[in-house]
Amino acid sequence: MMHPLISVLILSSLDPIKNFVSLNTYISQNAQKYCLAYSIDPSIPNVVCLNNIEKNRVKFFEILDTIGVEHIHNGDYVIFQKKASK
């Protein structure tokens, strides 16, 4: 009987607006943690993503690969851009 009440309390405490960010913000937040210097190409579409800092650098770059964002490494500098269409 307490489970539905707990579920309602949990859901009401979550702010759905804070759970989502733009793709550029997602990249920027993770890049600040995992890259020394970076640039985000403005041609990357501004879609909605979960507001999440990934567990590690490898996971961050794996996710970018699955959503169509290319990352080019030049020493410590990383450039994020939209993958070219094939």
Protein backbone atom coordinates (compact mmCIF):
# COMPACT_ATOMS: atom_id res chain seq x y z
CA MET A 1 0.00 0.00 0.00
CA MET A 2 2.92 2.33 0.61
CA HIS A 3 4.52 1.65 -2.79
CA PRO A 4 2.15 3.85 -4.83
CA LEU A 5 2.59 6.66 -2.33
CA ILE A 6 6.38 6.41 -2.53
CA SER A 7 6.21 6.40 -6.34
CA VAL A 8 4.07 9.53 -6.36
CA LEU A 9 6.45 11.30 -3.98
CA ILE A 10 9.49 10.38 -6.05
CA LEU A 11 7.89 11.45 -9.34
CA SER A 12 6.64 14.71 -7.88
CA SER A 13 10.10 15.56 -6.56
CA LEU A 14 11.74 15.19 -9.97
CA ASP A 15 11.97 18.30 -12.11
CA PRO A 16 11.60 17.12 -15.74
CA ILE A 17 13.08 20.36 -17.10
CA LYS A 18 16.38 19.75 -15.31
CA ASN A 19 16.54 16.16 -16.61
CA PHE A 20 17.02 17.25 -20.24
CA VAL A 21 19.53 19.54 -21.96
CA SER A 22 20.48 20.38 -25.53
CA LEU A 23 23.03 18.20 -27.30
CA ASN A 24 25.52 21.08 -27.24
CA THR A 25 25.14 21.38 -23.46
CA TYR A 26 25.49 17.60 -23.01
CA ILE A 27 28.72 17.63 -25.05
CA SER A 28 30.04 20.69 -23.24
CA GLN A 29 29.35 19.33 -19.74
CA ASN A 30 31.07 16.02 -20.50
CA ALA A 31 33.91 17.64 -22.46
CA GLN A 32 34.67 19.93 -19.50
CA LYS A 33 35.21 16.80 -17.43
CA TYR A 34 37.04 14.60 -19.96
CA CYS A 35 38.87 16.96 -22.36
CA LEU A 36 41.55 19.57 -21.73
CA ALA A 37 40.39 21.75 -24.64
CA TYR A 38 37.52 21.36 -27.08
CA SER A 39 35.41 23.01 -29.75
CA ILE A 40 31.81 22.25 -30.73
CA ASP A 41 30.88 22.82 -34.36
CA PRO A 42 27.69 24.95 -34.52
CA SER A 43 26.31 22.70 -37.29
CA ILE A 44 25.55 19.99 -34.71
CA PRO A 45 21.76 19.79 -34.43
CA ASN A 46 20.38 21.15 -31.18
CA VAL A 47 18.36 18.10 -30.10
CA VAL A 48 17.31 17.17 -26.57
CA CYS A 49 19.46 14.79 -24.50
CA LEU A 50 19.42 13.49 -20.98
CA ASN A 51 21.27 15.74 -18.56
CA ASN A 52 23.96 13.23 -17.69
CA ILE A 53 27.68 13.22 -17.01
CA GLU A 54 28.96 9.88 -18.30
CA LYS A 55 30.90 7.52 -16.01
CA ASN A 56 34.11 7.83 -18.00
CA ARG A 57 35.69 9.27 -21.12
CA VAL A 58 35.35 6.05 -23.14
CA LYS A 59 31.60 5.83 -22.47
CA PHE A 60 31.17 9.51 -23.44
CA PHE A 61 32.85 9.00 -26.81
CA GLU A 62 30.94 5.73 -27.42
CA ILE A 63 27.64 7.55 -26.94
CA LEU A 64 28.68 10.32 -29.31
CA ASP A 65 29.46 7.68 -31.95
CA THR A 66 25.93 6.27 -31.65
CA ILE A 67 24.18 9.65 -31.97
CA GLY A 68 26.07 10.90 -35.03
CA VAL A 69 28.66 13.19 -33.46
CA GLU A 70 32.23 12.82 -34.68
CA HIS A 71 35.12 13.63 -32.35
CA ILE A 72 38.48 14.50 -33.85
CA HIS A 73 41.46 14.43 -31.50
CA ASN A 74 44.45 16.67 -32.16
CA GLY A 75 46.73 16.24 -29.18
CA ASP A 76 44.81 17.46 -26.15
CA TYR A 77 42.30 19.36 -28.32
CA VAL A 78 39.02 17.67 -29.34
CA ILE A 79 36.72 18.93 -32.08
CA PHE A 80 33.10 17.78 -31.98
CA GLN A 81 31.20 17.92 -35.26
CA LYS A 82 28.29 16.29 -37.05
CA LYS A 83 29.25 13.06 -38.80
CA ALA A 84 29.37 13.43 -42.56
CA SER A 85 26.55 11.75 -44.48
CA LYS A 86 27.57 8.75 -46.52
